[in-house]
Amino acid sequence: MSQGNRPETHFSDILSERHKSILDILQLQGSVSVADLAERLDVSEVTIRKDLTFLEKQNRLYRTHGRAIPLSPYIGNRHINEKEKLFVREKRAIGKCAAALVKPHDSILMASGTTILYTAKELVEKQDITVITASVSVASMLSQNKGIDVVQLGGIVRESSVSVVGSFAEEMLRYFNCNLLFMGADGVDMEFGVTTTNMMEANLNRMMMDASQQTVLLVDSSKFGKKGFSKICGCEKIDHIITDDKIPQLYLESLQELGIEVTVVAAG
């Protein structure tokens, strides 16, 4: 290698190492400001902005309001069959933990989503409980057990989630008062709140919260820092969150500071 190439190679190594450090920090925290990165890496904010622009073009992160997050926070609607194959270990562990909260004679509201479906699989052997659900798949699964009274909410069936939404389901909820609500989400953002991709589903979930004594949010760690189209509620409205051990530390601490009980399960 020629003498003239050495400084360029050295600079490239420093740049690559700084990019790796930025991505490592994002993986650990889930979100970080330009100012914080500049201070921690001992470079100017201008340099950090250039780094973030480069990494964003490579689809390694997403920039928003003077901050960086690992990926774009905006979630599109996907079919339940596709989502069910993602983060299977995490969802199974979350579902098992959620099912352990259910006691005999409990009345449970179950919203829709793949993590809710994994929770239902853990409830199939329960006895003397009542389940009210928007999910057609959950109702079909649990109705096979004579020890579980299942109430299927009525309404318009969403093809992508195989669950009901609309005024009929909302009207039925006015007549129920349940111990627990198991609710999923497409995104959890500390500023914007808990979200889903469908406006009617968000409204139904809000009414479910009103009909239950405690709201338990079941979300795998990939949902933190993401935003769906429709807001269900602010994070402070959630009583208990069950998630996996890859939750960014920043989110874990921020949620606990709000007084939310956070249960972290091992996905392995």
C-alpha atoms as a PDB file:
ATOM      1  CA  MET A   1       0.000   0.000   0.000  1.00  0.00           C
ATOM      2  CA  SER A   2       1.363   3.439  -0.907  1.00  0.00           C
ATOM      3  CA  GLN A   3       2.111   6.111   1.648  1.00  0.00           C
ATOM      4  CA  GLY A   4      -0.542   8.319   0.059  1.00  0.00           C
ATOM      5  CA  ASN A   5      -3.318   5.816   0.795  1.00  0.00           C
ATOM      6  CA  ARG A   6      -2.634   5.416   4.500  1.00  0.00           C
ATOM      7  CA  PRO A   7      -4.297   8.629   5.763  1.00  0.00           C
ATOM      8  CA  GLU A   8      -7.407   7.887   3.659  1.00  0.00           C
ATOM      9  CA  THR A   9      -7.611   4.339   5.024  1.00  0.00           C
ATOM     10  CA  HIS A  10      -7.149   5.635   8.568  1.00  0.00           C
ATOM     11  CA  PHE A  11      -9.957   8.149   8.074  1.00  0.00           C
ATOM     12  CA  SER A  12     -12.200   5.448   6.622  1.00  0.00           C
ATOM     13  CA  ASP A  13     -11.569   3.229   9.642  1.00  0.00           C
ATOM     14  CA  ILE A  14     -12.459   6.039  12.048  1.00  0.00           C
ATOM     15  CA  LEU A  15     -15.618   6.817  10.086  1.00  0.00           C
ATOM     16  CA  SER A  16     -16.668   3.163  10.006  1.00  0.00           C
ATOM     17  CA  GLU A  17     -16.043   2.790  13.738  1.00  0.00           C
ATOM     18  CA  ARG A  18     -18.107   5.907  14.496  1.00  0.00           C
ATOM     19  CA  HIS A  19     -20.979   4.620  12.352  1.00  0.00           C
ATOM     20  CA  LYS A  20     -20.856   1.323  14.225  1.00  0.00           C
ATOM     21  CA  SER A  21     -20.897   3.183  17.548  1.00  0.00           C
ATOM     22  CA  ILE A  22     -23.965   5.168  16.463  1.00  0.00           C
ATOM     23  CA  LEU A  23     -25.816   1.980  15.495  1.00  0.00           C
ATOM     24  CA  ASP A  24     -24.793   0.274  18.754  1.00  0.00           C
ATOM     25  CA  ILE A  25     -26.113   3.209  20.791  1.00  0.00           C
ATOM     26  CA  LEU A  26     -29.393   3.131  18.864  1.00  0.00           C
ATOM     27  CA  GLN A  27     -29.746  -0.594  19.424  1.00  0.00           C
ATOM     28  CA  LEU A  28     -29.251  -0.108  23.153  1.00  0.00           C
ATOM     29  CA  GLN A  29     -31.384   3.007  23.663  1.00  0.00           C
ATOM     30  CA  GLY A  30     -33.916   2.869  20.828  1.00  0.00           C
ATOM     31  CA  SER A  31     -33.607   6.624  20.263  1.00  0.00           C
ATOM     32  CA  VAL A  32     -30.868   9.237  20.630  1.00  0.00           C
ATOM     33  CA  SER A  33     -30.459  12.949  19.965  1.00  0.00           C
ATOM     34  CA  VAL A  34     -27.855  14.547  17.705  1.00  0.00           C
ATOM     35  CA  ALA A  35     -26.480  16.511  20.665  1.00  0.00           C
ATOM     36  CA  ASP A  36     -26.112  13.379  22.784  1.00  0.00           C
ATOM     37  CA  LEU A  37     -24.288  11.522  20.008  1.00  0.00           C
ATOM     38  CA  ALA A  38     -21.943  14.462  19.427  1.00  0.00           C
ATOM     39  CA  GLU A  39     -21.032  14.594  23.110  1.00  0.00           C
ATOM     40  CA  ARG A  40     -20.587  10.848  23.515  1.00  0.00           C
ATOM     41  CA  LEU A  41     -18.492  10.434  20.362  1.00  0.00           C
ATOM     42  CA  ASP A  42     -16.549  13.696  20.871  1.00  0.00           C
ATOM     43  CA  VAL A  43     -17.334  15.196  17.458  1.00  0.00           C
ATOM     44  CA  SER A  44     -19.390  18.169  16.273  1.00  0.00           C
ATOM     45  CA  GLU A  45     -23.143  18.046  15.715  1.00  0.00           C
ATOM     46  CA  VAL A  46     -22.476  18.860  12.040  1.00  0.00           C
ATOM     47  CA  THR A  47     -20.378  15.692  11.779  1.00  0.00           C
ATOM     48  CA  ILE A  48     -23.100  13.627  13.465  1.00  0.00           C
ATOM     49  CA  ARG A  49     -25.751  14.976  11.078  1.00  0.00           C
ATOM     50  CA  LYS A  50     -23.583  13.934   8.132  1.00  0.00           C
ATOM     51  CA  ASP A  51     -23.156  10.485   9.672  1.00  0.00           C
ATOM     52  CA  LEU A  52     -26.901  10.133  10.197  1.00  0.00           C
ATOM     53  CA  THR A  53     -27.641  11.251   6.633  1.00  0.00           C
ATOM     54  CA  PHE A  54     -25.221   8.618   5.326  1.00  0.00           C
ATOM     55  CA  LEU A  55     -26.681   5.851   7.512  1.00  0.00           C
ATOM     56  CA  GLU A  56     -30.250   6.838   6.642  1.00  0.00           C
ATOM     57  CA  LYS A  57     -29.475   6.525   2.917  1.00  0.00           C
ATOM     58  CA  GLN A  58     -28.269   3.003   3.666  1.00  0.00           C
ATOM     59  CA  ASN A  59     -31.559   2.263   5.462  1.00  0.00           C
ATOM     60  CA  ARG A  60     -29.710   1.659   8.718  1.00  0.00           C
ATOM     61  CA  LEU A  61     -31.660   4.220  10.736  1.00  0.00           C
ATOM     62  CA  TYR A  62     -34.365   6.906  10.524  1.00  0.00           C
ATOM     63  CA  ARG A  63     -34.014  10.596  11.376  1.00  0.00           C
ATOM     64  CA  THR A  64     -36.777  12.572  13.059  1.00  0.00           C
ATOM     65  CA  HIS A  65     -36.861  15.948  14.880  1.00  0.00           C
ATOM     66  CA  GLY A  66     -33.157  16.125  15.738  1.00  0.00           C
ATOM     67  CA  ARG A  67     -33.052  12.496  16.796  1.00  0.00           C
ATOM     68  CA  ALA A  68     -32.251   9.123  15.278  1.00  0.00           C
ATOM     69  CA  ILE A  69     -34.108   5.839  15.727  1.00  0.00           C
ATOM     70  CA  PRO A  70     -33.185   2.387  14.360  1.00  0.00           C
ATOM     71  CA  LEU A  71     -35.816   2.243  11.577  1.00  0.00           C
ATOM     72  CA  SER A  72     -38.711   4.270  10.187  1.00  0.00           C
ATOM     73  CA  PRO A  73     -41.362   4.553  12.917  1.00  0.00           C
ATOM     74  CA  TYR A  74     -44.305   4.437  10.538  1.00  0.00           C
ATOM     75  CA  ILE A  75     -46.135   1.117  10.289  1.00  0.00           C
ATOM     76  CA  GLY A  76     -48.203  -0.102   7.357  1.00  0.00           C
ATOM     77  CA  ASN A  77     -51.083  -2.545   7.610  1.00  0.00           C
ATOM     78  CA  ARG A  78     -50.124  -6.208   7.137  1.00  0.00           C
ATOM     79  CA  HIS A  79     -52.179  -9.398   7.118  1.00  0.00           C
ATOM     80  CA  ILE A  80     -52.333 -11.385  10.345  1.00  0.00           C
ATOM     81  CA  ASN A  81     -50.941 -14.460   8.567  1.00  0.00           C
ATOM     82  CA  GLU A  82     -47.759 -12.517   7.781  1.00  0.00           C
ATOM     83  CA  LYS A  83     -47.419 -10.970  11.249  1.00  0.00           C
ATOM     84  CA  GLU A  84     -48.016 -14.289  13.030  1.00  0.00           C
ATOM     85  CA  LYS A  85     -44.693 -15.596  11.659  1.00  0.00           C
ATOM     86  CA  LEU A  86     -42.692 -12.707  13.101  1.00  0.00           C
ATOM     87  CA  PHE A  87     -41.097 -12.726  16.588  1.00  0.00           C
ATOM     88  CA  VAL A  88     -42.722 -16.061  17.390  1.00  0.00           C
ATOM     89  CA  ARG A  89     -40.611 -16.839  20.475  1.00  0.00           C
ATOM     90  CA  GLU A  90     -41.223 -13.397  21.907  1.00  0.00           C
ATOM     91  CA  LYS A  91     -44.987 -13.566  21.354  1.00  0.00           C
ATOM     92  CA  ARG A  92     -45.204 -17.066  22.786  1.00  0.00           C
ATOM     93  CA  ALA A  93     -43.347 -15.995  25.951  1.00  0.00           C
ATOM     94  CA  ILE A  94     -45.508 -12.880  26.301  1.00  0.00           C
ATOM     95  CA  GLY A  95     -48.676 -14.932  25.819  1.00  0.00           C
ATOM     96  CA  LYS A  96     -47.661 -17.427  28.489  1.00  0.00           C
ATOM     97  CA  CYS A  97     -46.948 -14.628  30.968  1.00  0.00           C
ATOM     98  CA  ALA A  98     -50.262 -12.922  30.210  1.00  0.00           C
ATOM     99  CA  ALA A  99     -52.245 -16.146  30.619  1.00  0.00           C
ATOM    100  CA  ALA A 100     -50.751 -16.606  34.097  1.00  0.00           C
ATOM    101  CA  LEU A 101     -52.595 -13.448  35.192  1.00  0.00           C
ATOM    102  CA  VAL A 102     -55.984 -15.062  34.535  1.00  0.00           C
ATOM    103  CA  LYS A 103     -57.766 -16.575  37.526  1.00  0.00           C
ATOM    104  CA  PRO A 104     -60.992 -18.621  37.829  1.00  0.00           C
ATOM    105  CA  HIS A 105     -64.166 -16.536  37.470  1.00  0.00           C
ATOM    106  CA  ASP A 106     -62.316 -13.735  35.660  1.00  0.00           C
ATOM    107  CA  SER A 107     -63.988 -11.887  32.807  1.00  0.00           C
ATOM    108  CA  ILE A 108     -61.456 -10.960  30.153  1.00  0.00           C
ATOM    109  CA  LEU A 109     -61.591  -8.696  27.147  1.00  0.00           C
ATOM    110  CA  MET A 110     -59.293  -9.710  24.313  1.00  0.00           C
ATOM    111  CA  ALA A 111     -58.639  -7.352  21.422  1.00  0.00           C
ATOM    112  CA  SER A 112     -57.109  -8.477  18.123  1.00  0.00           C
ATOM    113  CA  GLY A 113     -53.582  -9.174  16.911  1.00  0.00           C
ATOM    114  CA  THR A 114     -51.060 -11.976  16.744  1.00  0.00           C
ATOM    115  CA  THR A 115     -49.762 -11.598  20.311  1.00  0.00           C
ATOM    116  CA  ILE A 116     -53.363 -11.823  21.507  1.00  0.00           C
ATOM    117  CA  LEU A 117     -53.709 -15.018  19.479  1.00  0.00           C
ATOM    118  CA  TYR A 118     -50.632 -16.498  21.156  1.00  0.00           C
ATOM    119  CA  THR A 119     -52.159 -15.569  24.512  1.00  0.00           C
ATOM    120  CA  ALA A 120     -55.373 -17.385  23.586  1.00  0.00           C
ATOM    121  CA  LYS A 121     -53.344 -20.531  22.864  1.00  0.00           C
ATOM    122  CA  GLU A 122     -52.149 -20.395  26.482  1.00  0.00           C
ATOM    123  CA  LEU A 123     -55.704 -19.996  27.778  1.00  0.00           C
ATOM    124  CA  VAL A 124     -57.258 -23.052  26.097  1.00  0.00           C
ATOM    125  CA  GLU A 125     -56.992 -25.222  29.232  1.00  0.00           C
ATOM    126  CA  LYS A 126     -58.401 -22.602  31.627  1.00  0.00           C
ATOM    127  CA  GLN A 127     -61.674 -23.246  33.433  1.00  0.00           C
ATOM    128  CA  ASP A 128     -64.491 -21.014  34.690  1.00  0.00           C
ATOM    129  CA  ILE A 129     -63.558 -17.844  32.823  1.00  0.00           C
ATOM    130  CA  THR A 130     -65.442 -15.593  30.416  1.00  0.00           C
ATOM    131  CA  VAL A 131     -63.736 -14.184  27.344  1.00  0.00           C
ATOM    132  CA  ILE A 132     -65.173 -11.343  25.279  1.00  0.00           C
ATOM    133  CA  THR A 133     -63.239 -10.802  22.094  1.00  0.00           C
ATOM    134  CA  ALA A 134     -63.070  -8.904  18.820  1.00  0.00           C
ATOM    135  CA  SER A 135     -60.925 -11.637  17.278  1.00  0.00           C
ATOM    136  CA  VAL A 136     -62.772 -14.282  15.280  1.00  0.00           C
ATOM    137  CA  SER A 137     -59.741 -16.596  15.558  1.00  0.00           C
ATOM    138  CA  VAL A 138     -59.591 -16.252  19.356  1.00  0.00           C
ATOM    139  CA  ALA A 139     -63.339 -16.928  19.697  1.00  0.00           C
ATOM    140  CA  SER A 140     -63.090 -20.011  17.483  1.00  0.00           C
ATOM    141  CA  MET A 141     -60.123 -21.389  19.419  1.00  0.00           C
ATOM    142  CA  LEU A 142     -61.446 -20.843  22.958  1.00  0.00           C
ATOM    143  CA  SER A 143     -65.018 -21.912  22.234  1.00  0.00           C
ATOM    144  CA  GLN A 144     -63.766 -25.513  21.959  1.00  0.00           C
ATOM    145  CA  ASN A 145     -63.356 -25.534  25.753  1.00  0.00           C
ATOM    146  CA  LYS A 146     -66.662 -25.961  27.611  1.00  0.00           C
ATOM    147  CA  GLY A 147     -65.082 -24.358  30.680  1.00  0.00           C
ATOM    148  CA  ILE A 148     -64.739 -21.030  28.887  1.00  0.00           C
ATOM    149  CA  ASP A 149     -67.746 -18.833  28.093  1.00  0.00           C
ATOM    150  CA  VAL A 150     -66.936 -16.976  24.889  1.00  0.00           C
ATOM    151  CA  VAL A 151     -68.679 -13.830  23.691  1.00  0.00           C
ATOM    152  CA  GLN A 152     -67.870 -12.837  20.111  1.00  0.00           C
ATOM    153  CA  LEU A 153     -68.339  -9.139  19.464  1.00  0.00           C
ATOM    154  CA  GLY A 154     -70.331  -8.418  16.320  1.00  0.00           C
ATOM    155  CA  GLY A 155     -69.615  -6.002  13.520  1.00  0.00           C
ATOM    156  CA  ILE A 156     -67.614  -5.574  10.344  1.00  0.00           C
ATOM    157  CA  VAL A 157     -64.878  -8.201   9.933  1.00  0.00           C
ATOM    158  CA  ARG A 158     -61.521  -6.758   8.900  1.00  0.00           C
ATOM    159  CA  GLU A 159     -59.917  -9.081   6.374  1.00  0.00           C
ATOM    160  CA  SER A 160     -56.342  -8.277   7.392  1.00  0.00           C
ATOM    161  CA  SER A 161     -56.831  -8.977  11.113  1.00  0.00           C
ATOM    162  CA  VAL A 162     -59.835 -11.380  11.003  1.00  0.00           C
ATOM    163  CA  SER A 163     -61.410  -9.306  13.756  1.00  0.00           C
ATOM    164  CA  VAL A 164     -64.510  -7.151  14.103  1.00  0.00           C
ATOM    165  CA  VAL A 165     -64.796  -3.371  14.278  1.00  0.00           C
ATOM    166  CA  GLY A 166     -67.614  -0.863  14.078  1.00  0.00           C
ATOM    167  CA  SER A 167     -70.679   0.381  15.914  1.00  0.00           C
ATOM    168  CA  PHE A 168     -72.224  -3.031  16.682  1.00  0.00           C
ATOM    169  CA  ALA A 169     -69.105  -4.154  18.570  1.00  0.00           C
ATOM    170  CA  GLU A 170     -68.875  -0.780  20.325  1.00  0.00           C
ATOM    171  CA  GLU A 171     -72.524  -0.957  21.421  1.00  0.00           C
ATOM    172  CA  MET A 172     -72.079  -4.440  22.892  1.00  0.00           C
ATOM    173  CA  LEU A 173     -69.183  -3.234  25.042  1.00  0.00           C
ATOM    174  CA  ARG A 174     -71.486  -0.840  26.903  1.00  0.00           C
ATOM    175  CA  TYR A 175     -73.007  -3.845  28.695  1.00  0.00           C
ATOM    176  CA  PHE A 176     -69.777  -5.390  30.025  1.00  0.00           C
ATOM    177  CA  ASN A 177     -67.421  -4.783  32.931  1.00  0.00           C
ATOM    178  CA  CYS A 178     -64.309  -6.977  32.852  1.00  0.00           C
ATOM    179  CA  ASN A 179     -61.337  -7.649  35.106  1.00  0.00           C
ATOM    180  CA  LEU A 180     -58.675  -7.509  32.401  1.00  0.00           C
ATOM    181  CA  LEU A 181     -58.174  -6.269  28.877  1.00  0.00           C
ATOM    182  CA  PHE A 182     -55.448  -7.917  26.827  1.00  0.00           C
ATOM    183  CA  MET A 183     -54.626  -5.480  24.056  1.00  0.00           C
ATOM    184  CA  GLY A 184     -51.982  -5.490  21.333  1.00  0.00           C
ATOM    185  CA  ALA A 185     -50.628  -2.573  19.307  1.00  0.00           C
ATOM    186  CA  ASP A 186     -48.707  -1.814  16.146  1.00  0.00           C
ATOM    187  CA  GLY A 187     -46.585   0.869  17.777  1.00  0.00           C
ATOM    188  CA  VAL A 188     -45.596   2.363  21.126  1.00  0.00           C
ATOM    189  CA  ASP A 189     -44.051   5.840  21.060  1.00  0.00           C
ATOM    190  CA  MET A 190     -43.404   7.747  24.280  1.00  0.00           C
ATOM    191  CA  GLU A 191     -44.632  11.031  22.796  1.00  0.00           C
ATOM    192  CA  PHE A 192     -47.437   9.926  20.467  1.00  0.00           C
ATOM    193  CA  GLY A 193     -48.658   6.952  22.495  1.00  0.00           C
ATOM    194  CA  VAL A 194     -50.051   3.502  21.691  1.00  0.00           C
ATOM    195  CA  THR A 195     -51.179   3.095  18.090  1.00  0.00           C
ATOM    196  CA  THR A 196     -52.678   0.787  15.494  1.00  0.00           C
ATOM    197  CA  THR A 197     -52.981   1.014  11.713  1.00  0.00           C
ATOM    198  CA  ASN A 198     -56.801   1.139  11.637  1.00  0.00           C
ATOM    199  CA  MET A 199     -58.954   4.022  12.876  1.00  0.00           C
ATOM    200  CA  MET A 200     -62.004   1.867  13.702  1.00  0.00           C
ATOM    201  CA  GLU A 201     -59.889  -0.645  15.576  1.00  0.00           C
ATOM    202  CA  ALA A 202     -58.327   2.161  17.624  1.00  0.00           C
ATOM    203  CA  ASN A 203     -61.771   3.407  18.620  1.00  0.00           C
ATOM    204  CA  LEU A 204     -62.934  -0.086  19.601  1.00  0.00           C
ATOM    205  CA  ASN A 205     -59.803  -0.579  21.706  1.00  0.00           C
ATOM    206  CA  ARG A 206     -60.488   2.685  23.565  1.00  0.00           C
ATOM    207  CA  MET A 207     -63.988   1.456  24.409  1.00  0.00           C
ATOM    208  CA  MET A 208     -62.530  -1.858  25.574  1.00  0.00           C
ATOM    209  CA  MET A 209     -60.295   0.078  27.939  1.00  0.00           C
ATOM    210  CA  ASP A 210     -63.356   1.844  29.348  1.00  0.00           C
ATOM    211  CA  ALA A 211     -65.037  -1.544  29.916  1.00  0.00           C
ATOM    212  CA  SER A 212     -62.143  -3.087  31.844  1.00  0.00           C
ATOM    213  CA  GLN A 213     -60.631  -2.534  35.279  1.00  0.00           C
ATOM    214  CA  GLN A 214     -57.064  -3.062  34.064  1.00  0.00           C
ATOM    215  CA  THR A 215     -55.457  -2.704  30.630  1.00  0.00           C
ATOM    216  CA  VAL A 216     -52.563  -5.045  29.911  1.00  0.00           C
ATOM    217  CA  LEU A 217     -50.641  -4.200  26.738  1.00  0.00           C
ATOM    218  CA  LEU A 218     -48.977  -7.183  25.077  1.00  0.00           C
ATOM    219  CA  VAL A 219     -46.259  -6.067  22.651  1.00  0.00           C
ATOM    220  CA  ASP A 220     -42.967  -7.519  21.508  1.00  0.00           C
ATOM    221  CA  SER A 221     -39.922  -5.234  21.618  1.00  0.00           C
ATOM    222  CA  SER A 222     -40.053  -4.446  17.877  1.00  0.00           C
ATOM    223  CA  LYS A 223     -43.107  -2.240  18.494  1.00  0.00           C
ATOM    224  CA  PHE A 224     -41.272   0.365  20.583  1.00  0.00           C
ATOM    225  CA  GLY A 225     -40.438   3.542  18.709  1.00  0.00           C
ATOM    226  CA  LYS A 226     -43.014   2.726  16.006  1.00  0.00           C
ATOM    227  CA  LYS A 227     -46.179   4.630  15.070  1.00  0.00           C
ATOM    228  CA  GLY A 228     -49.384   3.395  13.491  1.00  0.00           C
ATOM    229  CA  PHE A 229     -51.896   5.631  11.741  1.00  0.00           C
ATOM    230  CA  SER A 230     -54.412   5.772  14.593  1.00  0.00           C
ATOM    231  CA  LYS A 231     -53.772   6.586  18.240  1.00  0.00           C
ATOM    232  CA  ILE A 232     -55.438   4.345  20.805  1.00  0.00           C
ATOM    233  CA  CYS A 233     -54.274   6.196  23.910  1.00  0.00           C
ATOM    234  CA  GLY A 234     -51.334   7.844  25.620  1.00  0.00           C
ATOM    235  CA  CYS A 235     -48.823   5.511  27.259  1.00  0.00           C
ATOM    236  CA  GLU A 236     -49.877   6.755  30.687  1.00  0.00           C
ATOM    237  CA  LYS A 237     -53.314   5.136  30.221  1.00  0.00           C
ATOM    238  CA  ILE A 238     -51.801   1.642  30.243  1.00  0.00           C
ATOM    239  CA  ASP A 239     -51.666  -0.214  33.579  1.00  0.00           C
ATOM    240  CA  HIS A 240     -49.327  -3.075  32.720  1.00  0.00           C
ATOM    241  CA  ILE A 241     -47.063  -3.889  29.770  1.00  0.00           C
ATOM    242  CA  ILE A 242     -45.697  -7.355  29.041  1.00  0.00           C
ATOM    243  CA  THR A 243     -42.838  -7.413  26.540  1.00  0.00           C
ATOM    244  CA  ASP A 244     -39.627  -9.283  25.787  1.00  0.00           C
ATOM    245  CA  ASP A 245     -36.079  -8.670  26.972  1.00  0.00           C
ATOM    246  CA  LYS A 246     -35.010  -6.773  23.857  1.00  0.00           C
ATOM    247  CA  ILE A 247     -36.994  -3.697  24.878  1.00  0.00           C
ATOM    248  CA  PRO A 248     -34.721  -0.626  24.605  1.00  0.00           C
ATOM    249  CA  GLN A 249     -33.553   0.440  28.066  1.00  0.00           C
ATOM    250  CA  LEU A 250     -34.689   4.014  27.412  1.00  0.00           C
ATOM    251  CA  TYR A 251     -38.271   2.851  26.873  1.00  0.00           C
ATOM    252  CA  LEU A 252     -38.218   0.550  29.886  1.00  0.00           C
ATOM    253  CA  GLU A 253     -37.090   3.341  32.189  1.00  0.00           C
ATOM    254  CA  SER A 254     -39.472   5.922  30.685  1.00  0.00           C
ATOM    255  CA  LEU A 255     -42.486   3.618  31.049  1.00  0.00           C
ATOM    256  CA  GLN A 256     -41.597   2.768  34.638  1.00  0.00           C
ATOM    257  CA  GLU A 257     -41.240   6.471  35.426  1.00  0.00           C
ATOM    258  CA  LEU A 258     -44.878   6.867  34.322  1.00  0.00           C
ATOM    259  CA  GLY A 259     -45.852   4.352  37.002  1.00  0.00           C
ATOM    260  CA  ILE A 260     -46.601   1.584  34.498  1.00  0.00           C
ATOM    261  CA  GLU A 261     -45.859  -1.956  35.605  1.00  0.00           C
ATOM    262  CA  VAL A 262     -43.550  -3.491  32.999  1.00  0.00           C
ATOM    263  CA  THR A 263     -42.973  -7.248  32.938  1.00  0.00           C
ATOM    264  CA  VAL A 264     -40.011  -8.322  30.805  1.00  0.00           C
ATOM    265  CA  VAL A 265     -39.942 -11.954  29.693  1.00  0.00           C
ATOM    266  CA  ALA A 266     -37.029 -13.930  28.270  1.00  0.00           C
ATOM    267  CA  ALA A 267     -37.711 -14.797  24.645  1.00  0.00           C
ATOM    268  CA  GLY A 268     -35.243 -17.668  24.533  1.00  0.00           C
END
